[in-house]
Amino acid sequence: MTVVTPEQHGLKAHSDGGWDASEKGFVPVQTRSARPRSFEHTDFAPVNGLEAEWKLTPVKLIKPLLDDALDGAPYTIDTDAPEGISVEWVARDDARIASAGAPEERASANAWTNFKQALAITISGEEHSTVRISRSELGNTARAGHIVITARAHSNGTVIVESSGSALLSENVEVVVEEGATLNFVSVQDWADDAIHLASHFVQVGRSATLKHTVVSLGGKVVRVNPSVHLSGEGADGELYGLYFADAGQHLEQRVYLHHEAAQTRGRVNYKGALQGGGARTVWVGDVLIGPNAAGTDSYEQNRNLVLTEGTRADSIPNLEIETGDIQGAGHASATGRFDDEQLFYLQARGISEAEARRLVVIGFLSEIVQKVGDEQLEARLHTAIEAELEGTIS
């Protein structure tokens, strides 16, 4: 199945960013909303690393996930689904598949082409409940994964997917939040040092529904998470949070897209990251589109990065596109910097050592996102993980 349209001429011959026709020839697609989409891997041109979508990504390291055949069989998970939430493996032809979106790039399409079964998580209870999915035995085989999360109308639940161990994984995650439902979805990437993980999240938020979407990336050699959230129902509310901590040699990348499609929608995007060690690299690209039918929209996105040592690099690119003048407000912000000298001075003036003062500043900086997770057990583990990242580094 493909949703590439005939007027998107040149898709196979050019970059997987897509091309638009004009009187003067072909020009690259400039906005996220205009990208061509397809479920077929062969509908996207080979990636050379020069494309706008891939130029900040270490393409050589992810090559097997772009082009090779992938193992799409189910893998081992640990879970204990409570009443009101079901967890099951389903076939590709299940009605829930392809209900939230379609791939916009080659790696996502390759995963879609190769997966054999999807992990389906369905929330139906109106009383809040939490399901935890953990996976740690994927190994070094190149894999395709697919997860589909459905929050039924007026349901209320939290879904936490935690990943660890070695992996070479490309996956698609579909999320549908139906009318009046409330969903808190948390994705934790705490992979081993050799892991490579590419993930595309497709999300539809219905009328008067509420989504909280949090991405935590701490471990892995290359982790690239691409959430695409559509506030498609009137009164939909979407809060998108991110926390990442890159060590030496790590590449952690987030490409966030928030599309206000319907009227009276509210969106908040807040990603924070820290970097330490030679070669630590983070990429954050935030795209917000307020569509022509999104009257009354209230939207804001921001990204903050804290640089702890020399030899790191943080790319932060916020984009905002507004197609209607009838909005409550919209804005974006981005900042990357070192420690706040005034904060350090304040703490040291009260007898706290410089090393401890620096530790407290970092923890305070990242704790804002940790506190948004909405699960005490996971929040405690994340605080411990951040402490572990900092141990022996700030001195």
Foldseek 3Di string as FASTA:
>chain_A
DFDFDPQQPCQQVDALQTWGQDPVGIDGDDAPVPFGFTLALNSHYDDDLPDPVRVQPPCVLLVCLQDNAAAQEDDDKDKDDDPQKDKDKAACPPPQPPPFHGDSHNSASNLSVHHGIAIEMEGGALPEDEMEIEDAPAPEGAHRYEYEYEYDANHHYEYEYEYEEAESYEYEYEYEYEHNYEYEYEYAAAYAAAHAYHYEYGYEFAALYEYEYEYEHEHYLEYEYEYAYEDAYENYEYEYEYEYEWEANHEAEYEYEYEDHAAQYEYEAEYEYEYYYARTEYEYEYEYEYDARHAAYHYEHEYEYEYEDPRYYYHYHYYYYYDYPRYPDYYYYYDYYYDDVVQLVVVVVVPDDSLVSRLVRVLVRRLVRLVVSPDVVVSVVVSVSSCVVSPPGRD
